[in-house]
PDBML (XML) file of the C-alpha atoms, coordinates in Angstrom:
<?xml version="1.0" encoding="UTF-8" ?>
<PDBx:datablock datablockName="MODEL"
   xmlns:PDBx="http://pdbml.pdb.org/schema/pdbx-v50.xsd"
   xmlns:xsi="http://www.w3.org/2001/XMLSchema-instance"
   xsi:schemaLocation="http://pdbml.pdb.org/schema/pdbx-v50.xsd pdbx-v50.xsd">
   <PDBx:atom_siteCategory>
      <PDBx:atom_site id="1">
         <PDBx:B_iso_or_equiv>0.00</PDBx:B_iso_or_equiv>
         <PDBx:Cartn_x>68.319</PDBx:Cartn_x>
         <PDBx:Cartn_y>-3.642</PDBx:Cartn_y>
         <PDBx:Cartn_z>267.474</PDBx:Cartn_z>
         <PDBx:auth_asym_id>A</PDBx:auth_asym_id>
         <PDBx:auth_atom_id>CA</PDBx:auth_atom_id>
         <PDBx:auth_comp_id>UNK</PDBx:auth_comp_id>
         <PDBx:auth_seq_id>1</PDBx:auth_seq_id>
         <PDBx:group_PDB>ATOM</PDBx:group_PDB>
         <PDBx:label_alt_id xsi:nil="true" />
         <PDBx:label_asym_id>A</PDBx:label_asym_id>
         <PDBx:label_atom_id>CA</PDBx:label_atom_id>
         <PDBx:label_comp_id>UNK</PDBx:label_comp_id>
         <PDBx:label_entity_id>1</PDBx:label_entity_id>
         <PDBx:label_seq_id>1</PDBx:label_seq_id>
         <PDBx:occupancy>1.00</PDBx:occupancy>
         <PDBx:pdbx_PDB_model_num>1</PDBx:pdbx_PDB_model_num>
         <PDBx:type_symbol>C</PDBx:type_symbol>
      </PDBx:atom_site>
      <PDBx:atom_site id="2">
         <PDBx:B_iso_or_equiv>0.00</PDBx:B_iso_or_equiv>
         <PDBx:Cartn_x>70.557</PDBx:Cartn_x>
         <PDBx:Cartn_y>-1.567</PDBx:Cartn_y>
         <PDBx:Cartn_z>269.203</PDBx:Cartn_z>
         <PDBx:auth_asym_id>A</PDBx:auth_asym_id>
         <PDBx:auth_atom_id>CA</PDBx:auth_atom_id>
         <PDBx:auth_comp_id>UNK</PDBx:auth_comp_id>
         <PDBx:auth_seq_id>2</PDBx:auth_seq_id>
         <PDBx:group_PDB>ATOM</PDBx:group_PDB>
         <PDBx:label_alt_id xsi:nil="true" />
         <PDBx:label_asym_id>A</PDBx:label_asym_id>
         <PDBx:label_atom_id>CA</PDBx:label_atom_id>
         <PDBx:label_comp_id>UNK</PDBx:label_comp_id>
         <PDBx:label_entity_id>1</PDBx:label_entity_id>
         <PDBx:label_seq_id>2</PDBx:label_seq_id>
         <PDBx:occupancy>1.00</PDBx:occupancy>
         <PDBx:pdbx_PDB_model_num>1</PDBx:pdbx_PDB_model_num>
         <PDBx:type_symbol>C</PDBx:type_symbol>
      </PDBx:atom_site>
      <PDBx:atom_site id="3">
         <PDBx:B_iso_or_equiv>0.00</PDBx:B_iso_or_equiv>
         <PDBx:Cartn_x>69.135</PDBx:Cartn_x>
         <PDBx:Cartn_y>1.419</PDBx:Cartn_y>
         <PDBx:Cartn_z>269.885</PDBx:Cartn_z>
         <PDBx:auth_asym_id>A</PDBx:auth_asym_id>
         <PDBx:auth_atom_id>CA</PDBx:auth_atom_id>
         <PDBx:auth_comp_id>UNK</PDBx:auth_comp_id>
         <PDBx:auth_seq_id>3</PDBx:auth_seq_id>
         <PDBx:group_PDB>ATOM</PDBx:group_PDB>
         <PDBx:label_alt_id xsi:nil="true" />
         <PDBx:label_asym_id>A</PDBx:label_asym_id>
         <PDBx:label_atom_id>CA</PDBx:label_atom_id>
         <PDBx:label_comp_id>UNK</PDBx:label_comp_id>
         <PDBx:label_entity_id>1</PDBx:label_entity_id>
         <PDBx:label_seq_id>3</PDBx:label_seq_id>
         <PDBx:occupancy>1.00</PDBx:occupancy>
         <PDBx:pdbx_PDB_model_num>1</PDBx:pdbx_PDB_model_num>
         <PDBx:type_symbol>C</PDBx:type_symbol>
      </PDBx:atom_site>
      <PDBx:atom_site id="4">
         <PDBx:B_iso_or_equiv>0.00</PDBx:B_iso_or_equiv>
         <PDBx:Cartn_x>65.737</PDBx:Cartn_x>
         <PDBx:Cartn_y>-0.340</PDBx:Cartn_y>
         <PDBx:Cartn_z>271.459</PDBx:Cartn_z>
         <PDBx:auth_asym_id>A</PDBx:auth_asym_id>
         <PDBx:auth_atom_id>CA</PDBx:auth_atom_id>
         <PDBx:auth_comp_id>UNK</PDBx:auth_comp_id>
         <PDBx:auth_seq_id>4</PDBx:auth_seq_id>
         <PDBx:group_PDB>ATOM</PDBx:group_PDB>
         <PDBx:label_alt_id xsi:nil="true" />
         <PDBx:label_asym_id>A</PDBx:label_asym_id>
         <PDBx:label_atom_id>CA</PDBx:label_atom_id>
         <PDBx:label_comp_id>UNK</PDBx:label_comp_id>
         <PDBx:label_entity_id>1</PDBx:label_entity_id>
         <PDBx:label_seq_id>4</PDBx:label_seq_id>
         <PDBx:occupancy>1.00</PDBx:occupancy>
         <PDBx:pdbx_PDB_model_num>1</PDBx:pdbx_PDB_model_num>
         <PDBx:type_symbol>C</PDBx:type_symbol>
      </PDBx:atom_site>
      <PDBx:atom_site id="5">
         <PDBx:B_iso_or_equiv>0.00</PDBx:B_iso_or_equiv>
         <PDBx:Cartn_x>64.708</PDBx:Cartn_x>
         <PDBx:Cartn_y>-1.508</PDBx:Cartn_y>
         <PDBx:Cartn_z>274.853</PDBx:Cartn_z>
         <PDBx:auth_asym_id>A</PDBx:auth_asym_id>
         <PDBx:auth_atom_id>CA</PDBx:auth_atom_id>
         <PDBx:auth_comp_id>UNK</PDBx:auth_comp_id>
         <PDBx:auth_seq_id>5</PDBx:auth_seq_id>
         <PDBx:group_PDB>ATOM</PDBx:group_PDB>
         <PDBx:label_alt_id xsi:nil="true" />
         <PDBx:label_asym_id>A</PDBx:label_asym_id>
         <PDBx:label_atom_id>CA</PDBx:label_atom_id>
         <PDBx:label_comp_id>UNK</PDBx:label_comp_id>
         <PDBx:label_entity_id>1</PDBx:label_entity_id>
         <PDBx:label_seq_id>5</PDBx:label_seq_id>
         <PDBx:occupancy>1.00</PDBx:occupancy>
         <PDBx:pdbx_PDB_model_num>1</PDBx:pdbx_PDB_model_num>
         <PDBx:type_symbol>C</PDBx:type_symbol>
      </PDBx:atom_site>
      <PDBx:atom_site id="6">
         <PDBx:B_iso_or_equiv>0.00</PDBx:B_iso_or_equiv>
         <PDBx:Cartn_x>62.713</PDBx:Cartn_x>
         <PDBx:Cartn_y>-3.631</PDBx:Cartn_y>
         <PDBx:Cartn_z>275.930</PDBx:Cartn_z>
         <PDBx:auth_asym_id>A</PDBx:auth_asym_id>
         <PDBx:auth_atom_id>CA</PDBx:auth_atom_id>
         <PDBx:auth_comp_id>UNK</PDBx:auth_comp_id>
         <PDBx:auth_seq_id>6</PDBx:auth_seq_id>
         <PDBx:group_PDB>ATOM</PDBx:group_PDB>
         <PDBx:label_alt_id xsi:nil="true" />
         <PDBx:label_asym_id>A</PDBx:label_asym_id>
         <PDBx:label_atom_id>CA</PDBx:label_atom_id>
         <PDBx:label_comp_id>UNK</PDBx:label_comp_id>
         <PDBx:label_entity_id>1</PDBx:label_entity_id>
         <PDBx:label_seq_id>6</PDBx:label_seq_id>
         <PDBx:occupancy>1.00</PDBx:occupancy>
         <PDBx:pdbx_PDB_model_num>1</PDBx:pdbx_PDB_model_num>
         <PDBx:type_symbol>C</PDBx:type_symbol>
      </PDBx:atom_site>
      <PDBx:atom_site id="7">
         <PDBx:B_iso_or_equiv>0.00</PDBx:B_iso_or_equiv>
         <PDBx:Cartn_x>61.867</PDBx:Cartn_x>
         <PDBx:Cartn_y>-2.580</PDBx:Cartn_y>
         <PDBx:Cartn_z>279.761</PDBx:Cartn_z>
         <PDBx:auth_asym_id>A</PDBx:auth_asym_id>
         <PDBx:auth_atom_id>CA</PDBx:auth_atom_id>
         <PDBx:auth_comp_id>UNK</PDBx:auth_comp_id>
         <PDBx:auth_seq_id>7</PDBx:auth_seq_id>
         <PDBx:group_PDB>ATOM</PDBx:group_PDB>
         <PDBx:label_alt_id xsi:nil="true" />
         <PDBx:label_asym_id>A</PDBx:label_asym_id>
         <PDBx:label_atom_id>CA</PDBx:label_atom_id>
         <PDBx:label_comp_id>UNK</PDBx:label_comp_id>
         <PDBx:label_entity_id>1</PDBx:label_entity_id>
         <PDBx:label_seq_id>7</PDBx:label_seq_id>
         <PDBx:occupancy>1.00</PDBx:occupancy>
         <PDBx:pdbx_PDB_model_num>1</PDBx:pdbx_PDB_model_num>
         <PDBx:type_symbol>C</PDBx:type_symbol>
      </PDBx:atom_site>
      <PDBx:atom_site id="8">
         <PDBx:B_iso_or_equiv>0.00</PDBx:B_iso_or_equiv>
         <PDBx:Cartn_x>59.949</PDBx:Cartn_x>
         <PDBx:Cartn_y>-3.872</PDBx:Cartn_y>
         <PDBx:Cartn_z>282.882</PDBx:Cartn_z>
         <PDBx:auth_asym_id>A</PDBx:auth_asym_id>
         <PDBx:auth_atom_id>CA</PDBx:auth_atom_id>
         <PDBx:auth_comp_id>UNK</PDBx:auth_comp_id>
         <PDBx:auth_seq_id>8</PDBx:auth_seq_id>
         <PDBx:group_PDB>ATOM</PDBx:group_PDB>
         <PDBx:label_alt_id xsi:nil="true" />
         <PDBx:label_asym_id>A</PDBx:label_asym_id>
         <PDBx:label_atom_id>CA</PDBx:label_atom_id>
         <PDBx:label_comp_id>UNK</PDBx:label_comp_id>
         <PDBx:label_entity_id>1</PDBx:label_entity_id>
         <PDBx:label_seq_id>8</PDBx:label_seq_id>
         <PDBx:occupancy>1.00</PDBx:occupancy>
         <PDBx:pdbx_PDB_model_num>1</PDBx:pdbx_PDB_model_num>
         <PDBx:type_symbol>C</PDBx:type_symbol>
      </PDBx:atom_site>
      <PDBx:atom_site id="9">
         <PDBx:B_iso_or_equiv>0.00</PDBx:B_iso_or_equiv>
         <PDBx:Cartn_x>61.123</PDBx:Cartn_x>
         <PDBx:Cartn_y>-7.556</PDBx:Cartn_y>
         <PDBx:Cartn_z>281.760</PDBx:Cartn_z>
         <PDBx:auth_asym_id>A</PDBx:auth_asym_id>
         <PDBx:auth_atom_id>CA</PDBx:auth_atom_id>
         <PDBx:auth_comp_id>UNK</PDBx:auth_comp_id>
         <PDBx:auth_seq_id>9</PDBx:auth_seq_id>
         <PDBx:group_PDB>ATOM</PDBx:group_PDB>
         <PDBx:label_alt_id xsi:nil="true" />
         <PDBx:label_asym_id>A</PDBx:label_asym_id>
         <PDBx:label_atom_id>CA</PDBx:label_atom_id>
         <PDBx:label_comp_id>UNK</PDBx:label_comp_id>
         <PDBx:label_entity_id>1</PDBx:label_entity_id>
         <PDBx:label_seq_id>9</PDBx:label_seq_id>
         <PDBx:occupancy>1.00</PDBx:occupancy>
         <PDBx:pdbx_PDB_model_num>1</PDBx:pdbx_PDB_model_num>
         <PDBx:type_symbol>C</PDBx:type_symbol>
      </PDBx:atom_site>
      <PDBx:atom_site id="10">
         <PDBx:B_iso_or_equiv>0.00</PDBx:B_iso_or_equiv>
         <PDBx:Cartn_x>59.124</PDBx:Cartn_x>
         <PDBx:Cartn_y>-9.483</PDBx:Cartn_y>
         <PDBx:Cartn_z>284.237</PDBx:Cartn_z>
         <PDBx:auth_asym_id>A</PDBx:auth_asym_id>
         <PDBx:auth_atom_id>CA</PDBx:auth_atom_id>
         <PDBx:auth_comp_id>UNK</PDBx:auth_comp_id>
         <PDBx:auth_seq_id>10</PDBx:auth_seq_id>
         <PDBx:group_PDB>ATOM</PDBx:group_PDB>
         <PDBx:label_alt_id xsi:nil="true" />
         <PDBx:label_asym_id>A</PDBx:label_asym_id>
         <PDBx:label_atom_id>CA</PDBx:label_atom_id>
         <PDBx:label_comp_id>UNK</PDBx:label_comp_id>
         <PDBx:label_entity_id>1</PDBx:label_entity_id>
         <PDBx:label_seq_id>10</PDBx:label_seq_id>
         <PDBx:occupancy>1.00</PDBx:occupancy>
         <PDBx:pdbx_PDB_model_num>1</PDBx:pdbx_PDB_model_num>
         <PDBx:type_symbol>C</PDBx:type_symbol>
      </PDBx:atom_site>
      <PDBx:atom_site id="11">
         <PDBx:B_iso_or_equiv>0.00</PDBx:B_iso_or_equiv>
         <PDBx:Cartn_x>59.455</PDBx:Cartn_x>
         <PDBx:Cartn_y>-13.237</PDBx:Cartn_y>
         <PDBx:Cartn_z>283.449</PDBx:Cartn_z>
         <PDBx:auth_asym_id>A</PDBx:auth_asym_id>
         <PDBx:auth_atom_id>CA</PDBx:auth_atom_id>
         <PDBx:auth_comp_id>UNK</PDBx:auth_comp_id>
         <PDBx:auth_seq_id>11</PDBx:auth_seq_id>
         <PDBx:group_PDB>ATOM</PDBx:group_PDB>
         <PDBx:label_alt_id xsi:nil="true" />
         <PDBx:label_asym_id>A</PDBx:label_asym_id>
         <PDBx:label_atom_id>CA</PDBx:label_atom_id>
         <PDBx:label_comp_id>UNK</PDBx:label_comp_id>
         <PDBx:label_entity_id>1</PDBx:label_entity_id>
         <PDBx:label_seq_id>11</PDBx:label_seq_id>
         <PDBx:occupancy>1.00</PDBx:occupancy>
         <PDBx:pdbx_PDB_model_num>1</PDBx:pdbx_PDB_model_num>
         <PDBx:type_symbol>C</PDBx:type_symbol>
      </PDBx:atom_site>
      <PDBx:atom_site id="12">
         <PDBx:B_iso_or_equiv>0.00</PDBx:B_iso_or_equiv>
         <PDBx:Cartn_x>60.188</PDBx:Cartn_x>
         <PDBx:Cartn_y>-15.569</PDBx:Cartn_y>
         <PDBx:Cartn_z>280.696</PDBx:Cartn_z>
         <PDBx:auth_asym_id>A</PDBx:auth_asym_id>
         <PDBx:auth_atom_id>CA</PDBx:auth_atom_id>
         <PDBx:auth_comp_id>UNK</PDBx:auth_comp_id>
         <PDBx:auth_seq_id>12</PDBx:auth_seq_id>
         <PDBx:group_PDB>ATOM</PDBx:group_PDB>
         <PDBx:label_alt_id xsi:nil="true" />
         <PDBx:label_asym_id>A</PDBx:label_asym_id>
         <PDBx:label_atom_id>CA</PDBx:label_atom_id>
         <PDBx:label_comp_id>UNK</PDBx:label_comp_id>
         <PDBx:label_entity_id>1</PDBx:label_entity_id>
         <PDBx:label_seq_id>12</PDBx:label_seq_id>
         <PDBx:occupancy>1.00</PDBx:occupancy>
         <PDBx:pdbx_PDB_model_num>1</PDBx:pdbx_PDB_model_num>
         <PDBx:type_symbol>C</PDBx:type_symbol>
      </PDBx:atom_site>
      <PDBx:atom_site id="13">
         <PDBx:B_iso_or_equiv>0.00</PDBx:B_iso_or_equiv>
         <PDBx:Cartn_x>57.124</PDBx:Cartn_x>
         <PDBx:Cartn_y>-14.205</PDBx:Cartn_y>
         <PDBx:Cartn_z>278.538</PDBx:Cartn_z>
         <PDBx:auth_asym_id>A</PDBx:auth_asym_id>
         <PDBx:auth_atom_id>CA</PDBx:auth_atom_id>
         <PDBx:auth_comp_id>UNK</PDBx:auth_comp_id>
         <PDBx:auth_seq_id>13</PDBx:auth_seq_id>
         <PDBx:group_PDB>ATOM</PDBx:group_PDB>
         <PDBx:label_alt_id xsi:nil="true" />
         <PDBx:label_asym_id>A</PDBx:label_asym_id>
         <PDBx:label_atom_id>CA</PDBx:label_atom_id>
         <PDBx:label_comp_id>UNK</PDBx:label_comp_id>
         <PDBx:label_entity_id>1</PDBx:label_entity_id>
         <PDBx:label_seq_id>13</PDBx:label_seq_id>
         <PDBx:occupancy>1.00</PDBx:occupancy>
         <PDBx:pdbx_PDB_model_num>1</PDBx:pdbx_PDB_model_num>
         <PDBx:type_symbol>C</PDBx:type_symbol>
      </PDBx:atom_site>
      <PDBx:atom_site id="14">
         <PDBx:B_iso_or_equiv>0.00</PDBx:B_iso_or_equiv>
         <PDBx:Cartn_x>58.324</PDBx:Cartn_x>
         <PDBx:Cartn_y>-10.832</PDBx:Cartn_y>
         <PDBx:Cartn_z>278.122</PDBx:Cartn_z>
         <PDBx:auth_asym_id>A</PDBx:auth_asym_id>
         <PDBx:auth_atom_id>CA</PDBx:auth_atom_id>
         <PDBx:auth_comp_id>UNK</PDBx:auth_comp_id>
         <PDBx:auth_seq_id>14</PDBx:auth_seq_id>
         <PDBx:group_PDB>ATOM</PDBx:group_PDB>
         <PDBx:label_alt_id xsi:nil="true" />
         <PDBx:label_asym_id>A</PDBx:label_asym_id>
         <PDBx:label_atom_id>CA</PDBx:label_atom_id>
         <PDBx:label_comp_id>UNK</PDBx:label_comp_id>
         <PDBx:label_entity_id>1</PDBx:label_entity_id>
         <PDBx:label_seq_id>14</PDBx:label_seq_id>
         <PDBx:occupancy>1.00</PDBx:occupancy>
         <PDBx:pdbx_PDB_model_num>1</PDBx:pdbx_PDB_model_num>
         <PDBx:type_symbol>C</PDBx:type_symbol>
      </PDBx:atom_site>
      <PDBx:atom_site id="15">
         <PDBx:B_iso_or_equiv>0.00</PDBx:B_iso_or_equiv>
         <PDBx:Cartn_x>61.702</PDBx:Cartn_x>
         <PDBx:Cartn_y>-12.263</PDBx:Cartn_y>
         <PDBx:Cartn_z>277.345</PDBx:Cartn_z>
         <PDBx:auth_asym_id>A</PDBx:auth_asym_id>
         <PDBx:auth_atom_id>CA</PDBx:auth_atom_id>
         <PDBx:auth_comp_id>UNK</PDBx:auth_comp_id>
         <PDBx:auth_seq_id>15</PDBx:auth_seq_id>
         <PDBx:group_PDB>ATOM</PDBx:group_PDB>
         <PDBx:label_alt_id xsi:nil="true" />
         <PDBx:label_asym_id>A</PDBx:label_asym_id>
         <PDBx:label_atom_id>CA</PDBx:label_atom_id>
         <PDBx:label_comp_id>UNK</PDBx:label_comp_id>
         <PDBx:label_entity_id>1</PDBx:label_entity_id>
         <PDBx:label_seq_id>15</PDBx:label_seq_id>
         <PDBx:occupancy>1.00</PDBx:occupancy>
         <PDBx:pdbx_PDB_model_num>1</PDBx:pdbx_PDB_model_num>
         <PDBx:type_symbol>C</PDBx:type_symbol>
      </PDBx:atom_site>
      <PDBx:atom_site id="16">
         <PDBx:B_iso_or_equiv>0.00</PDBx:B_iso_or_equiv>
         <PDBx:Cartn_x>60.342</PDBx:Cartn_x>
         <PDBx:Cartn_y>-14.815</PDBx:Cartn_y>
         <PDBx:Cartn_z>274.836</PDBx:Cartn_z>
         <PDBx:auth_asym_id>A</PDBx:auth_asym_id>
         <PDBx:auth_atom_id>CA</PDBx:auth_atom_id>
         <PDBx:auth_comp_id>UNK</PDBx:auth_comp_id>
         <PDBx:auth_seq_id>16</PDBx:auth_seq_id>
         <PDBx:group_PDB>ATOM</PDBx:group_PDB>
         <PDBx:label_alt_id xsi:nil="true" />
         <PDBx:label_asym_id>A</PDBx:label_asym_id>
         <PDBx:label_atom_id>CA</PDBx:label_atom_id>
         <PDBx:label_comp_id>UNK</PDBx:label_comp_id>
         <PDBx:label_entity_id>1</PDBx:label_entity_id>
         <PDBx:label_seq_id>16</PDBx:label_seq_id>
         <PDBx:occupancy>1.00</PDBx:occupancy>
         <PDBx:pdbx_PDB_model_num>1</PDBx:pdbx_PDB_model_num>
         <PDBx:type_symbol>C</PDBx:type_symbol>
      </PDBx:atom_site>
      <PDBx:atom_site id="17">
         <PDBx:B_iso_or_equiv>0.00</PDBx:B_iso_or_equiv>
         <PDBx:Cartn_x>57.897</PDBx:Cartn_x>
         <PDBx:Cartn_y>-12.246</PDBx:Cartn_y>
         <PDBx:Cartn_z>273.417</PDBx:Cartn_z>
         <PDBx:auth_asym_id>A</PDBx:auth_asym_id>
         <PDBx:auth_atom_id>CA</PDBx:auth_atom_id>
         <PDBx:auth_comp_id>UNK</PDBx:auth_comp_id>
         <PDBx:auth_seq_id>17</PDBx:auth_seq_id>
         <PDBx:group_PDB>ATOM</PDBx:group_PDB>
         <PDBx:label_alt_id xsi:nil="true" />
         <PDBx:label_asym_id>A</PDBx:label_asym_id>
         <PDBx:label_atom_id>CA</PDBx:label_atom_id>
         <PDBx:label_comp_id>UNK</PDBx:label_comp_id>
         <PDBx:label_entity_id>1</PDBx:label_entity_id>
         <PDBx:label_seq_id>17</PDBx:label_seq_id>
         <PDBx:occupancy>1.00</PDBx:occupancy>
         <PDBx:pdbx_PDB_model_num>1</PDBx:pdbx_PDB_model_num>
         <PDBx:type_symbol>C</PDBx:type_symbol>
      </PDBx:atom_site>
      <PDBx:atom_site id="18">
         <PDBx:B_iso_or_equiv>0.00</PDBx:B_iso_or_equiv>
         <PDBx:Cartn_x>60.804</PDBx:Cartn_x>
         <PDBx:Cartn_y>-9.349</PDBx:Cartn_y>
         <PDBx:Cartn_z>272.851</PDBx:Cartn_z>
         <PDBx:auth_asym_id>A</PDBx:auth_asym_id>
         <PDBx:auth_atom_id>CA</PDBx:auth_atom_id>
         <PDBx:auth_comp_id>UNK</PDBx:auth_comp_id>
         <PDBx:auth_seq_id>18</PDBx:auth_seq_id>
         <PDBx:group_PDB>ATOM</PDBx:group_PDB>
         <PDBx:label_alt_id xsi:nil="true" />
         <PDBx:label_asym_id>A</PDBx:label_asym_id>
         <PDBx:label_atom_id>CA</PDBx:label_atom_id>
         <PDBx:label_comp_id>UNK</PDBx:label_comp_id>
         <PDBx:label_entity_id>1</PDBx:label_entity_id>
         <PDBx:label_seq_id>18</PDBx:label_seq_id>
         <PDBx:occupancy>1.00</PDBx:occupancy>
         <PDBx:pdbx_PDB_model_num>1</PDBx:pdbx_PDB_model_num>
         <PDBx:type_symbol>C</PDBx:type_symbol>
      </PDBx:atom_site>
      <PDBx:atom_site id="19">
         <PDBx:B_iso_or_equiv>0.00</PDBx:B_iso_or_equiv>
         <PDBx:Cartn_x>63.462</PDBx:Cartn_x>
         <PDBx:Cartn_y>-11.509</PDBx:Cartn_y>
         <PDBx:Cartn_z>271.341</PDBx:Cartn_z>
         <PDBx:auth_asym_id>A</PDBx:auth_asym_id>
         <PDBx:auth_atom_id>CA</PDBx:auth_atom_id>
         <PDBx:auth_comp_id>UNK</PDBx:auth_comp_id>
         <PDBx:auth_seq_id>19</PDBx:auth_seq_id>
         <PDBx:group_PDB>ATOM</PDBx:group_PDB>
         <PDBx:label_alt_id xsi:nil="true" />
         <PDBx:label_asym_id>A</PDBx:label_asym_id>
         <PDBx:label_atom_id>CA</PDBx:label_atom_id>
         <PDBx:label_comp_id>UNK</PDBx:label_comp_id>
         <PDBx:label_entity_id>1</PDBx:label_entity_id>
         <PDBx:label_seq_id>19</PDBx:label_seq_id>
         <PDBx:occupancy>1.00</PDBx:occupancy>
         <PDBx:pdbx_PDB_model_num>1</PDBx:pdbx_PDB_model_num>
         <PDBx:type_symbol>C</PDBx:type_symbol>
      </PDBx:atom_site>
      <PDBx:atom_site id="20">
         <PDBx:B_iso_or_equiv>0.00</PDBx:B_iso_or_equiv>
         <PDBx:Cartn_x>60.604</PDBx:Cartn_x>
         <PDBx:Cartn_y>-13.227</PDBx:Cartn_y>
         <PDBx:Cartn_z>269.260</PDBx:Cartn_z>
         <PDBx:auth_asym_id>A</PDBx:auth_asym_id>
         <PDBx:auth_atom_id>CA</PDBx:auth_atom_id>
         <PDBx:auth_comp_id>UNK</PDBx:auth_comp_id>
         <PDBx:auth_seq_id>20</PDBx:auth_seq_id>
         <PDBx:group_PDB>ATOM</PDBx:group_PDB>
         <PDBx:label_alt_id xsi:nil="true" />
         <PDBx:label_asym_id>A</PDBx:label_asym_id>
         <PDBx:label_atom_id>CA</PDBx:label_atom_id>
         <PDBx:label_comp_id>UNK</PDBx:label_comp_id>
         <PDBx:label_entity_id>1</PDBx:label_entity_id>
         <PDBx:label_seq_id>20</PDBx:label_seq_id>
         <PDBx:occupancy>1.00</PDBx:occupancy>
         <PDBx:pdbx_PDB_model_num>1</PDBx:pdbx_PDB_model_num>
         <PDBx:type_symbol>C</PDBx:type_symbol>
      </PDBx:atom_site>
      <PDBx:atom_site id="21">
         <PDBx:B_iso_or_equiv>0.00</PDBx:B_iso_or_equiv>
         <PDBx:Cartn_x>59.578</PDBx:Cartn_x>
         <PDBx:Cartn_y>-9.556</PDBx:Cartn_y>
         <PDBx:Cartn_z>267.911</PDBx:Cartn_z>
         <PDBx:auth_asym_id>A</PDBx:auth_asym_id>
         <PDBx:auth_atom_id>CA</PDBx:auth_atom_id>
         <PDBx:auth_comp_id>UNK</PDBx:auth_comp_id>
         <PDBx:auth_seq_id>21</PDBx:auth_seq_id>
         <PDBx:group_PDB>ATOM</PDBx:group_PDB>
         <PDBx:label_alt_id xsi:nil="true" />
         <PDBx:label_asym_id>A</PDBx:label_asym_id>
         <PDBx:label_atom_id>CA</PDBx:label_atom_id>
         <PDBx:label_comp_id>UNK</PDBx:label_comp_id>
         <PDBx:label_entity_id>1</PDBx:label_entity_id>
         <PDBx:label_seq_id>21</PDBx:label_seq_id>
         <PDBx:occupancy>1.00</PDBx:occupancy>
         <PDBx:pdbx_PDB_model_num>1</PDBx:pdbx_PDB_model_num>
         <PDBx:type_symbol>C</PDBx:type_symbol>
      </PDBx:atom_site>
      <PDBx:atom_site id="22">
         <PDBx:B_iso_or_equiv>0.00</PDBx:B_iso_or_equiv>
         <PDBx:Cartn_x>63.616</PDBx:Cartn_x>
         <PDBx:Cartn_y>-9.413</PDBx:Cartn_y>
         <PDBx:Cartn_z>267.083</PDBx:Cartn_z>
         <PDBx:auth_asym_id>A</PDBx:auth_asym_id>
         <PDBx:auth_atom_id>CA</PDBx:auth_atom_id>
         <PDBx:auth_comp_id>UNK</PDBx:auth_comp_id>
         <PDBx:auth_seq_id>22</PDBx:auth_seq_id>
         <PDBx:group_PDB>ATOM</PDBx:group_PDB>
         <PDBx:label_alt_id xsi:nil="true" />
         <PDBx:label_asym_id>A</PDBx:label_asym_id>
         <PDBx:label_atom_id>CA</PDBx:label_atom_id>
         <PDBx:label_comp_id>UNK</PDBx:label_comp_id>
         <PDBx:label_entity_id>1</PDBx:label_entity_id>
         <PDBx:label_seq_id>22</PDBx:label_seq_id>
         <PDBx:occupancy>1.00</PDBx:occupancy>
         <PDBx:pdbx_PDB_model_num>1</PDBx:pdbx_PDB_model_num>
         <PDBx:type_symbol>C</PDBx:type_symbol>
      </PDBx:atom_site>
      <PDBx:atom_site id="23">
         <PDBx:B_iso_or_equiv>0.00</PDBx:B_iso_or_equiv>
         <PDBx:Cartn_x>64.654</PDBx:Cartn_x>
         <PDBx:Cartn_y>-7.293</PDBx:Cartn_y>
         <PDBx:Cartn_z>270.758</PDBx:Cartn_z>
         <PDBx:auth_asym_id>A</PDBx:auth_asym_id>
         <PDBx:auth_atom_id>CA</PDBx:auth_atom_id>
         <PDBx:auth_comp_id>UNK</PDBx:auth_comp_id>
         <PDBx:auth_seq_id>23</PDBx:auth_seq_id>
         <PDBx:group_PDB>ATOM</PDBx:group_PDB>
         <PDBx:label_alt_id xsi:nil="true" />
         <PDBx:label_asym_id>A</PDBx:label_asym_id>
         <PDBx:label_atom_id>CA</PDBx:label_atom_id>
         <PDBx:label_comp_id>UNK</PDBx:label_comp_id>
         <PDBx:label_entity_id>1</PDBx:label_entity_id>
         <PDBx:label_seq_id>23</PDBx:label_seq_id>
         <PDBx:occupancy>1.00</PDBx:occupancy>
         <PDBx:pdbx_PDB_model_num>1</PDBx:pdbx_PDB_model_num>
         <PDBx:type_symbol>C</PDBx:type_symbol>
      </PDBx:atom_site>
      <PDBx:atom_site id="24">
         <PDBx:B_iso_or_equiv>0.00</PDBx:B_iso_or_equiv>
         <PDBx:Cartn_x>68.372</PDBx:Cartn_x>
         <PDBx:Cartn_y>-7.327</PDBx:Cartn_y>
         <PDBx:Cartn_z>271.606</PDBx:Cartn_z>
         <PDBx:auth_asym_id>A</PDBx:auth_asym_id>
         <PDBx:auth_atom_id>CA</PDBx:auth_atom_id>
         <PDBx:auth_comp_id>UNK</PDBx:auth_comp_id>
         <PDBx:auth_seq_id>24</PDBx:auth_seq_id>
         <PDBx:group_PDB>ATOM</PDBx:group_PDB>
         <PDBx:label_alt_id xsi:nil="true" />
         <PDBx:label_asym_id>A</PDBx:label_asym_id>
         <PDBx:label_atom_id>CA</PDBx:label_atom_id>
         <PDBx:label_comp_id>UNK</PDBx:label_comp_id>
         <PDBx:label_entity_id>1</PDBx:label_entity_id>
         <PDBx:label_seq_id>24</PDBx:label_seq_id>
         <PDBx:occupancy>1.00</PDBx:occupancy>
         <PDBx:pdbx_PDB_model_num>1</PDBx:pdbx_PDB_model_num>
         <PDBx:type_symbol>C</PDBx:type_symbol>
      </PDBx:atom_site>
      <PDBx:atom_site id="25">
         <PDBx:B_iso_or_equiv>0.00</PDBx:B_iso_or_equiv>
         <PDBx:Cartn_x>67.910</PDBx:Cartn_x>
         <PDBx:Cartn_y>-4.999</PDBx:Cartn_y>
         <PDBx:Cartn_z>274.702</PDBx:Cartn_z>
         <PDBx:auth_asym_id>A</PDBx:auth_asym_id>
         <PDBx:auth_atom_id>CA</PDBx:auth_atom_id>
         <PDBx:auth_comp_id>UNK</PDBx:auth_comp_id>
         <PDBx:auth_seq_id>25</PDBx:auth_seq_id>
         <PDBx:group_PDB>ATOM</PDBx:group_PDB>
         <PDBx:label_alt_id xsi:nil="true" />
         <PDBx:label_asym_id>A</PDBx:label_asym_id>
         <PDBx:label_atom_id>CA</PDBx:label_atom_id>
         <PDBx:label_comp_id>UNK</PDBx:label_comp_id>
         <PDBx:label_entity_id>1</PDBx:label_entity_id>
         <PDBx:label_seq_id>25</PDBx:label_seq_id>
         <PDBx:occupancy>1.00</PDBx:occupancy>
         <PDBx:pdbx_PDB_model_num>1</PDBx:pdbx_PDB_model_num>
         <PDBx:type_symbol>C</PDBx:type_symbol>
      </PDBx:atom_site>
   </PDBx:atom_siteCategory>
</PDBx:datablock>
């Protein structure tokens, strides 16, 4: 998780899905 980035996050839905999948960046 210290090497994987969820890019182009444009709102809370992106952050919620990413967090739920284990993204930290």
